[in-house]
Amino acid sequence: MHSPADMHNGHRMVTAPTRQPIAIALHCTWGVLQTLVGLALLIGLLPVVRRIGRHRSTVVIRTKGRWGVSLGFFIFLGEGHDRTAVSHEYGHSIQSLLLGPLYLPLVGVPSFIRATLWLLFRKPEATYYRGYPERWADRLGTVDRKLGSS
């Protein structure tokens, strides 16, 4: 039997126990740069953190607002986001595991630029997830977006 913290809508929220230590070790070695940036962000956001939980091998930090970013094994999300956003950001954490020190220049920077452009030009949110690196994060996080939905 799993504790309520491990369950969401009847689904288990953690990976196999043998994989979690490996993922955490990779985030702290191969992906140490983004993990340290995530830790610094967590420390800076402590006064506005609403709650801290977990999703698979990541720590999910909820704050006020509607924003999201994945840095190492830290996922930061505004409270306005749903489970789809958690899965999407988890996909980014897998990208971090795969790319290691290349994650920030190959994923973080393009994702930040893309998000900024979408906000500045008020583009439809659904189209944001159709391009690189967002579509890849959706696939890795097993997000199934229907065409035209956000």
N, C-alpha and C. Protein backbone atom coordinates (compact mmCIF):
# COMPACT_ATOMS: atom_id res chain seq x y z
N MET A 1 0.84 -1.18 0.00
CA MET A 1 0.00 0.00 0.00
C MET A 1 0.88 1.24 0.00
N HIS A 2 0.52 2.23 -0.82
CA HIS A 2 1.29 3.47 -0.93
C HIS A 2 0.65 4.54 -0.07
N SER A 3 1.46 5.44 0.46
CA SER A 3 0.94 6.54 1.25
C SER A 3 0.21 7.52 0.33
N PRO A 4 -0.70 8.34 0.87
CA PRO A 4 -1.40 9.32 0.03
C PRO A 4 -0.44 10.27 -0.67
N ALA A 5 0.72 10.54 -0.08
CA ALA A 5 1.70 11.43 -0.72
C ALA A 5 2.26 10.83 -2.00
N ASP A 6 2.23 9.50 -2.11
CA ASP A 6 2.75 8.83 -3.30
C ASP A 6 1.69 8.63 -4.38
N MET A 7 0.44 9.02 -4.09
CA MET A 7 -0.66 8.75 -5.01
C MET A 7 -1.28 10.05 -5.50
N HIS A 8 -1.75 10.05 -6.74
CA HIS A 8 -2.51 11.15 -7.31
C HIS A 8 -3.52 10.56 -8.26
N ASN A 9 -4.78 10.74 -7.97
CA ASN A 9 -5.86 10.16 -8.79
C ASN A 9 -5.65 8.68 -9.03
N GLY A 10 -5.20 7.99 -8.00
CA GLY A 10 -5.01 6.55 -8.10
C GLY A 10 -3.74 6.12 -8.80
N HIS A 11 -2.92 7.07 -9.23
CA HIS A 11 -1.68 6.74 -9.93
C HIS A 11 -0.49 6.99 -9.02
N ARG A 12 0.46 6.10 -9.05
CA ARG A 12 1.66 6.26 -8.26
C ARG A 12 2.51 7.38 -8.84
N MET A 13 3.04 8.25 -8.00
CA MET A 13 3.76 9.44 -8.45
C MET A 13 5.27 9.31 -8.40
N VAL A 14 5.80 8.16 -8.11
CA VAL A 14 7.25 8.02 -8.00
C VAL A 14 7.74 6.96 -8.96
N THR A 15 9.00 7.05 -9.32
CA THR A 15 9.60 6.05 -10.19
C THR A 15 9.99 4.83 -9.36
N ALA A 16 10.44 3.82 -10.01
CA ALA A 16 10.93 2.64 -9.29
C ALA A 16 12.03 3.09 -8.35
N PRO A 17 12.02 2.62 -7.11
CA PRO A 17 13.01 3.07 -6.12
C PRO A 17 14.45 2.93 -6.58
N THR A 18 14.74 1.97 -7.40
CA THR A 18 16.13 1.78 -7.83
C THR A 18 16.57 2.85 -8.82
N ARG A 19 15.64 3.50 -9.50
CA ARG A 19 16.01 4.53 -10.48
C ARG A 19 16.18 5.90 -9.84
N GLN A 20 15.47 6.17 -8.77
CA GLN A 20 15.54 7.49 -8.17
C GLN A 20 16.96 7.87 -7.72
N PRO A 21 17.67 7.02 -7.00
CA PRO A 21 19.04 7.40 -6.60
C PRO A 21 19.95 7.64 -7.80
N ILE A 22 19.77 6.89 -8.85
CA ILE A 22 20.59 7.09 -10.05
C ILE A 22 20.30 8.45 -10.67
N ALA A 23 19.01 8.80 -10.81
CA ALA A 23 18.64 10.10 -11.37
C ALA A 23 19.15 11.23 -10.50
N ILE A 24 19.01 11.12 -9.20
CA ILE A 24 19.48 12.17 -8.29
C ILE A 24 21.01 12.29 -8.39
N ALA A 25 21.71 11.17 -8.43
CA ALA A 25 23.17 11.21 -8.57
C ALA A 25 23.58 11.88 -9.87
N LEU A 26 22.88 11.59 -10.96
CA LEU A 26 23.19 12.23 -12.25
C LEU A 26 22.92 13.73 -12.20
N HIS A 27 21.81 14.14 -11.56
CA HIS A 27 21.52 15.57 -11.43
C HIS A 27 22.60 16.28 -10.62
N CYS A 28 23.19 15.58 -9.66
CA CYS A 28 24.20 16.19 -8.78
C CYS A 28 25.62 16.09 -9.34
N THR A 29 25.80 15.39 -10.46
CA THR A 29 27.13 15.26 -11.08
C THR A 29 27.07 15.79 -12.51
N TRP A 30 26.52 15.01 -13.41
CA TRP A 30 26.41 15.36 -14.83
C TRP A 30 25.61 16.65 -15.02
N GLY A 31 24.58 16.86 -14.20
CA GLY A 31 23.74 18.06 -14.31
C GLY A 31 23.90 19.02 -13.15
N VAL A 32 25.10 19.04 -12.57
CA VAL A 32 25.33 19.84 -11.36
C VAL A 32 25.08 21.33 -11.58
N LEU A 33 25.39 21.87 -12.76
CA LEU A 33 25.23 23.31 -13.00
C LEU A 33 23.77 23.73 -12.81
N GLN A 34 22.85 23.06 -13.52
CA GLN A 34 21.44 23.44 -13.40
C GLN A 34 20.87 23.09 -12.02
N THR A 35 21.38 22.04 -11.39
CA THR A 35 20.92 21.69 -10.05
C THR A 35 21.33 22.78 -9.05
N LEU A 36 22.55 23.31 -9.18
CA LEU A 36 22.98 24.40 -8.31
C LEU A 36 22.19 25.68 -8.55
N VAL A 37 21.89 25.96 -9.82
CA VAL A 37 21.05 27.13 -10.13
C VAL A 37 19.66 26.93 -9.51
N GLY A 38 19.13 25.71 -9.60
CA GLY A 38 17.83 25.40 -8.99
C GLY A 38 17.86 25.56 -7.48
N LEU A 39 18.93 25.12 -6.86
CA LEU A 39 19.07 25.27 -5.40
C LEU A 39 19.12 26.75 -5.02
N ALA A 40 19.88 27.53 -5.77
CA ALA A 40 19.96 28.98 -5.51
C ALA A 40 18.58 29.63 -5.68
N LEU A 41 17.84 29.22 -6.70
CA LEU A 41 16.50 29.75 -6.92
C LEU A 41 15.58 29.37 -5.76
N LEU A 42 15.67 28.14 -5.30
CA LEU A 42 14.86 27.69 -4.17
C LEU A 42 15.15 28.55 -2.93
N ILE A 43 16.41 28.78 -2.65
CA ILE A 43 16.78 29.60 -1.50
C ILE A 43 16.22 31.02 -1.64
N GLY A 44 16.33 31.57 -2.85
CA GLY A 44 15.80 32.91 -3.09
C GLY A 44 14.29 33.00 -3.00
N LEU A 45 13.61 31.92 -3.36
CA LEU A 45 12.14 31.92 -3.36
C LEU A 45 11.52 31.45 -2.06
N LEU A 46 12.32 31.01 -1.10
CA LEU A 46 11.78 30.47 0.15
C LEU A 46 10.67 31.32 0.77
N PRO A 47 10.79 32.65 0.77
CA PRO A 47 9.71 33.44 1.39
C PRO A 47 8.35 33.32 0.68
N VAL A 48 8.35 32.94 -0.61
CA VAL A 48 7.08 32.85 -1.34
C VAL A 48 6.67 31.42 -1.71
N VAL A 49 7.42 30.44 -1.20
CA VAL A 49 7.08 29.05 -1.48
C VAL A 49 5.77 28.70 -0.76
N ARG A 50 4.82 28.14 -1.52
CA ARG A 50 3.52 27.75 -0.96
C ARG A 50 3.57 26.32 -0.43
N ARG A 51 4.23 25.43 -1.19
CA ARG A 51 4.37 24.03 -0.76
C ARG A 51 5.46 23.36 -1.57
N ILE A 52 6.00 22.29 -1.00
CA ILE A 52 7.04 21.50 -1.65
C ILE A 52 6.57 20.06 -1.66
N GLY A 53 6.66 19.42 -2.83
CA GLY A 53 6.28 18.02 -2.98
C GLY A 53 7.30 17.31 -3.84
N ARG A 54 6.88 16.20 -4.41
CA ARG A 54 7.78 15.48 -5.30
C ARG A 54 6.99 14.86 -6.45
N HIS A 55 7.69 14.64 -7.50
CA HIS A 55 7.16 13.95 -8.67
C HIS A 55 8.29 13.12 -9.23
N ARG A 56 8.15 11.82 -9.12
CA ARG A 56 9.19 10.88 -9.53
C ARG A 56 10.51 11.23 -8.83
N SER A 57 11.57 11.52 -9.58
CA SER A 57 12.87 11.81 -8.96
C SER A 57 13.11 13.30 -8.79
N THR A 58 12.05 14.11 -8.84
CA THR A 58 12.21 15.56 -8.74
C THR A 58 11.51 16.11 -7.50
N VAL A 59 11.93 17.31 -7.12
CA VAL A 59 11.29 18.07 -6.05
C VAL A 59 10.47 19.16 -6.72
N VAL A 60 9.18 19.23 -6.41
CA VAL A 60 8.28 20.22 -7.02
C VAL A 60 8.02 21.32 -6.01
N ILE A 61 8.37 22.55 -6.39
CA ILE A 61 8.21 23.71 -5.53
C ILE A 61 7.10 24.57 -6.12
N ARG A 62 6.03 24.77 -5.36
CA ARG A 62 4.90 25.60 -5.80
C ARG A 62 5.01 26.98 -5.19
N THR A 63 4.84 28.00 -6.04
CA THR A 63 4.87 29.38 -5.60
C THR A 63 3.64 30.09 -6.12
N LYS A 64 3.52 31.35 -5.78
CA LYS A 64 2.43 32.17 -6.30
C LYS A 64 2.67 32.44 -7.79
N GLY A 65 1.61 32.61 -8.56
CA GLY A 65 1.74 32.99 -9.95
C GLY A 65 1.56 31.84 -10.92
N ARG A 66 1.80 32.12 -12.19
CA ARG A 66 1.64 31.12 -13.25
C ARG A 66 2.92 31.11 -14.08
N TRP A 67 3.90 30.35 -13.63
CA TRP A 67 5.16 30.25 -14.32
C TRP A 67 5.73 28.87 -14.06
N GLY A 68 6.74 28.47 -14.77
CA GLY A 68 7.34 27.17 -14.55
C GLY A 68 8.73 27.09 -15.12
N VAL A 69 9.60 26.34 -14.41
CA VAL A 69 10.95 26.11 -14.89
C VAL A 69 11.48 24.85 -14.21
N SER A 70 12.30 24.12 -14.93
CA SER A 70 12.93 22.92 -14.41
C SER A 70 14.43 23.14 -14.41
N LEU A 71 15.03 22.98 -13.23
CA LEU A 71 16.48 23.16 -13.09
C LEU A 71 17.03 21.99 -12.28
N GLY A 72 17.68 21.05 -12.97
CA GLY A 72 18.17 19.85 -12.30
C GLY A 72 17.00 19.04 -11.79
N PHE A 73 17.05 18.63 -10.52
CA PHE A 73 15.92 17.87 -10.00
C PHE A 73 14.90 18.76 -9.30
N PHE A 74 14.99 20.08 -9.52
CA PHE A 74 14.01 21.02 -8.98
C PHE A 74 13.04 21.46 -10.08
N ILE A 75 11.76 21.34 -9.80
CA ILE A 75 10.72 21.85 -10.70
C ILE A 75 10.01 22.97 -9.94
N PHE A 76 9.99 24.15 -10.53
CA PHE A 76 9.32 25.30 -9.93
C PHE A 76 8.07 25.59 -10.75
N LEU A 77 6.94 25.67 -10.07
CA LEU A 77 5.68 25.95 -10.76
C LEU A 77 4.82 26.89 -9.92
N GLY A 78 4.16 27.80 -10.61
CA GLY A 78 3.15 28.61 -9.94
C GLY A 78 1.96 27.73 -9.60
N GLU A 79 1.21 28.14 -8.60
CA GLU A 79 0.06 27.35 -8.16
C GLU A 79 -1.02 27.20 -9.23
N GLY A 80 -1.01 28.08 -10.22
CA GLY A 80 -2.02 28.03 -11.27
C GLY A 80 -1.86 26.89 -12.26
N HIS A 81 -0.79 26.11 -12.16
CA HIS A 81 -0.53 25.03 -13.10
C HIS A 81 -1.12 23.71 -12.63
N ASP A 82 -1.47 22.89 -13.60
CA ASP A 82 -2.06 21.58 -13.30
C ASP A 82 -1.02 20.47 -13.46
N ARG A 83 -1.48 19.25 -13.39
CA ARG A 83 -0.62 18.07 -13.46
C ARG A 83 0.11 17.98 -14.81
N THR A 84 -0.49 18.48 -15.86
CA THR A 84 0.16 18.48 -17.18
C THR A 84 1.45 19.29 -17.13
N ALA A 85 1.42 20.41 -16.44
CA ALA A 85 2.62 21.25 -16.33
C ALA A 85 3.71 20.54 -15.54
N VAL A 86 3.33 19.81 -14.50
CA VAL A 86 4.31 19.05 -13.73
C VAL A 86 4.98 18.02 -14.65
N SER A 87 4.18 17.30 -15.43
CA SER A 87 4.73 16.29 -16.35
C SER A 87 5.62 16.93 -17.41
N HIS A 88 5.20 18.09 -17.92
CA HIS A 88 6.01 18.79 -18.92
C HIS A 88 7.36 19.19 -18.32
N GLU A 89 7.34 19.78 -17.14
CA GLU A 89 8.60 20.18 -16.50
C GLU A 89 9.45 18.97 -16.13
N TYR A 90 8.80 17.86 -15.80
CA TYR A 90 9.54 16.62 -15.55
C TYR A 90 10.27 16.20 -16.84
N GLY A 91 9.63 16.40 -17.98
CA GLY A 91 10.29 16.13 -19.26
C GLY A 91 11.56 16.95 -19.41
N HIS A 92 11.50 18.22 -18.97
CA HIS A 92 12.72 19.05 -19.00
C HIS A 92 13.79 18.47 -18.07
N SER A 93 13.38 17.91 -16.93
CA SER A 93 14.39 17.34 -16.03
C SER A 93 15.06 16.12 -16.66
N ILE A 94 14.32 15.39 -17.48
CA ILE A 94 14.92 14.27 -18.21
C ILE A 94 15.90 14.81 -19.26
N GLN A 95 15.53 15.91 -19.91
CA GLN A 95 16.46 16.54 -20.85
C GLN A 95 17.76 16.90 -20.12
N SER A 96 17.63 17.40 -18.91
CA SER A 96 18.79 17.74 -18.10
C SER A 96 19.67 16.52 -17.84
N LEU A 97 19.02 15.38 -17.55
CA LEU A 97 19.78 14.14 -17.33
C LEU A 97 20.50 13.71 -18.60
N LEU A 98 19.86 13.87 -19.73
CA LEU A 98 20.46 13.44 -21.00
C LEU A 98 21.58 14.36 -21.47
N LEU A 99 21.40 15.66 -21.28
CA LEU A 99 22.34 16.63 -21.83
C LEU A 99 23.40 17.12 -20.85
N GLY A 100 23.16 16.94 -19.56
CA GLY A 100 24.14 17.38 -18.57
C GLY A 100 24.50 18.84 -18.72
N PRO A 101 25.80 19.16 -18.86
CA PRO A 101 26.22 20.57 -18.91
C PRO A 101 25.73 21.31 -20.15
N LEU A 102 25.22 20.60 -21.13
CA LEU A 102 24.69 21.25 -22.33
C LEU A 102 23.22 21.64 -22.19
N TYR A 103 22.59 21.24 -21.09
CA TYR A 103 21.15 21.51 -20.90
C TYR A 103 20.82 23.00 -20.96
N LEU A 104 21.54 23.80 -20.19
CA LEU A 104 21.19 25.23 -20.15
C LEU A 104 21.35 25.91 -21.51
N PRO A 105 22.47 25.72 -22.23
CA PRO A 105 22.56 26.37 -23.54
C PRO A 105 21.64 25.76 -24.60
N LEU A 106 21.41 24.45 -24.56
CA LEU A 106 20.62 23.80 -25.61
C LEU A 106 19.12 23.75 -25.33
N VAL A 107 18.73 23.83 -24.06
CA VAL A 107 17.31 23.75 -23.70
C VAL A 107 16.87 24.97 -22.90
N GLY A 108 17.62 25.30 -21.84
CA GLY A 108 17.22 26.39 -20.97
C GLY A 108 17.10 27.73 -21.68
N VAL A 109 18.13 28.10 -22.40
CA VAL A 109 18.13 29.39 -23.10
C VAL A 109 17.05 29.43 -24.19
N PRO A 110 16.97 28.42 -25.09
CA PRO A 110 15.90 28.46 -26.10
C PRO A 110 14.50 28.47 -25.48
N SER A 111 14.32 27.73 -24.41
CA SER A 111 13.01 27.69 -23.75
C SER A 111 12.66 29.05 -23.14
N PHE A 112 13.64 29.69 -22.50
CA PHE A 112 13.42 31.02 -21.93
C PHE A 112 13.09 32.05 -23.01
N ILE A 113 13.84 32.01 -24.11
CA ILE A 113 13.58 32.95 -25.23
C ILE A 113 12.20 32.70 -25.80
N ARG A 114 11.87 31.44 -25.99
CA ARG A 114 10.55 31.08 -26.54
C ARG A 114 9.43 31.58 -25.62
N ALA A 115 9.55 31.34 -24.33
CA ALA A 115 8.52 31.77 -23.37
C ALA A 115 8.39 33.30 -23.37
N THR A 116 9.53 33.99 -23.42
CA THR A 116 9.51 35.46 -23.43
C THR A 116 8.80 35.98 -24.67
N LEU A 117 9.11 35.41 -25.83
CA LEU A 117 8.46 35.84 -27.08
C LEU A 117 6.96 35.58 -27.04
N TRP A 118 6.57 34.42 -26.50
CA TRP A 118 5.14 34.08 -26.43
C TRP A 118 4.40 35.06 -25.52
N LEU A 119 5.05 35.47 -24.44
CA LEU A 119 4.43 36.44 -23.54
C LEU A 119 4.37 37.84 -24.16
N LEU A 120 5.49 38.27 -24.75
CA LEU A 120 5.54 39.61 -25.34
C LEU A 120 4.56 39.79 -26.49
N PHE A 121 4.47 38.78 -27.34
CA PHE A 121 3.61 38.89 -28.52
C PHE A 121 2.25 38.24 -28.33
N ARG A 122 1.97 37.82 -27.09
CA ARG A 122 0.68 37.24 -26.72
C ARG A 122 0.22 36.17 -27.70
N LYS A 123 1.14 35.26 -28.00
CA LYS A 123 0.83 34.15 -28.89
C LYS A 123 -0.01 33.12 -28.14
N PRO A 124 -0.80 32.32 -28.86
CA PRO A 124 -1.62 31.29 -28.19
C PRO A 124 -0.73 30.30 -27.44
N GLU A 125 -1.10 30.00 -26.19
CA GLU A 125 -0.30 29.11 -25.35
C GLU A 125 -0.12 27.74 -26.00
N ALA A 126 -1.15 27.25 -26.69
CA ALA A 126 -1.08 25.91 -27.29
C ALA A 126 0.06 25.82 -28.29
N THR A 127 0.35 26.90 -29.02
CA THR A 127 1.40 26.84 -30.03
C THR A 127 2.79 26.82 -29.40
N TYR A 128 2.91 27.26 -28.17
CA TYR A 128 4.19 27.28 -27.47
C TYR A 128 4.79 25.88 -27.38
N TYR A 129 3.96 24.88 -27.19
CA TYR A 129 4.43 23.51 -26.96
C TYR A 129 4.69 22.73 -28.25
N ARG A 130 4.52 23.36 -29.39
CA ARG A 130 4.71 22.67 -30.67
C ARG A 130 6.15 22.69 -31.16
N GLY A 131 6.98 23.54 -30.61
CA GLY A 131 8.36 23.68 -31.11
C GLY A 131 9.39 23.19 -30.12
N TYR A 132 10.65 23.28 -30.56
CA TYR A 132 11.79 22.88 -29.74
C TYR A 132 12.00 23.90 -28.64
N PRO A 133 12.34 23.50 -27.45
CA PRO A 133 12.51 22.16 -26.90
C PRO A 133 11.26 21.65 -26.17
N GLU A 134 10.15 22.40 -26.32
CA GLU A 134 8.94 22.09 -25.55
C GLU A 134 8.26 20.79 -25.99
N ARG A 135 8.21 20.56 -27.28
CA ARG A 135 7.59 19.32 -27.76
C ARG A 135 8.37 18.10 -27.25
N TRP A 136 9.67 18.20 -27.25
CA TRP A 136 10.53 17.12 -26.75
C TRP A 136 10.27 16.89 -25.25
N ALA A 137 10.16 17.98 -24.48
CA ALA A 137 9.87 17.85 -23.04
C ALA A 137 8.51 17.18 -22.83
N ASP A 138 7.53 17.54 -23.64
CA ASP A 138 6.21 16.89 -23.54
C ASP A 138 6.33 15.38 -23.79
N ARG A 139 7.08 15.01 -24.81
CA ARG A 139 7.24 13.58 -25.11
C ARG A 139 7.92 12.85 -23.96
N LEU A 140 8.99 13.43 -23.44
CA LEU A 140 9.71 12.78 -22.34
C LEU A 140 8.87 12.70 -21.06
N GLY A 141 8.04 13.71 -20.84
CA GLY A 141 7.19 13.73 -19.66
C GLY A 141 5.85 13.04 -19.86
N THR A 142 5.67 12.42 -21.04
CA THR A 142 4.44 11.71 -21.44
C THR A 142 3.21 12.60 -21.37
N VAL A 143 3.34 13.82 -21.88
CA VAL A 143 2.22 14.75 -21.96
C VAL A 143 1.55 14.56 -23.31
N ASP A 144 0.25 14.39 -23.30
CA ASP A 144 -0.53 14.22 -24.52
C ASP A 144 -1.39 15.46 -24.72
N ARG A 145 -0.90 16.38 -25.51
CA ARG A 145 -1.67 17.61 -25.77
C ARG A 145 -2.49 17.41 -27.04
N LYS A 146 -3.74 17.74 -26.94
CA LYS A 146 -4.60 17.69 -28.11
C LYS A 146 -4.37 18.96 -28.91
N LEU A 147 -4.38 18.87 -30.23
CA LEU A 147 -4.16 20.03 -31.09
C LEU A 147 -5.15 21.13 -30.74
N GLY A 148 -4.60 22.31 -30.47
CA GLY A 148 -5.43 23.45 -30.16
C GLY A 148 -5.73 23.63 -28.68
N SER A 149 -5.35 22.68 -27.86
CA SER A 149 -5.60 22.83 -26.42
C SER A 149 -4.37 23.40 -25.76
N SER A 150 -4.55 23.95 -24.56
CA SER A 150 -3.39 24.51 -23.86
C SER A 150 -2.92 23.62 -22.75
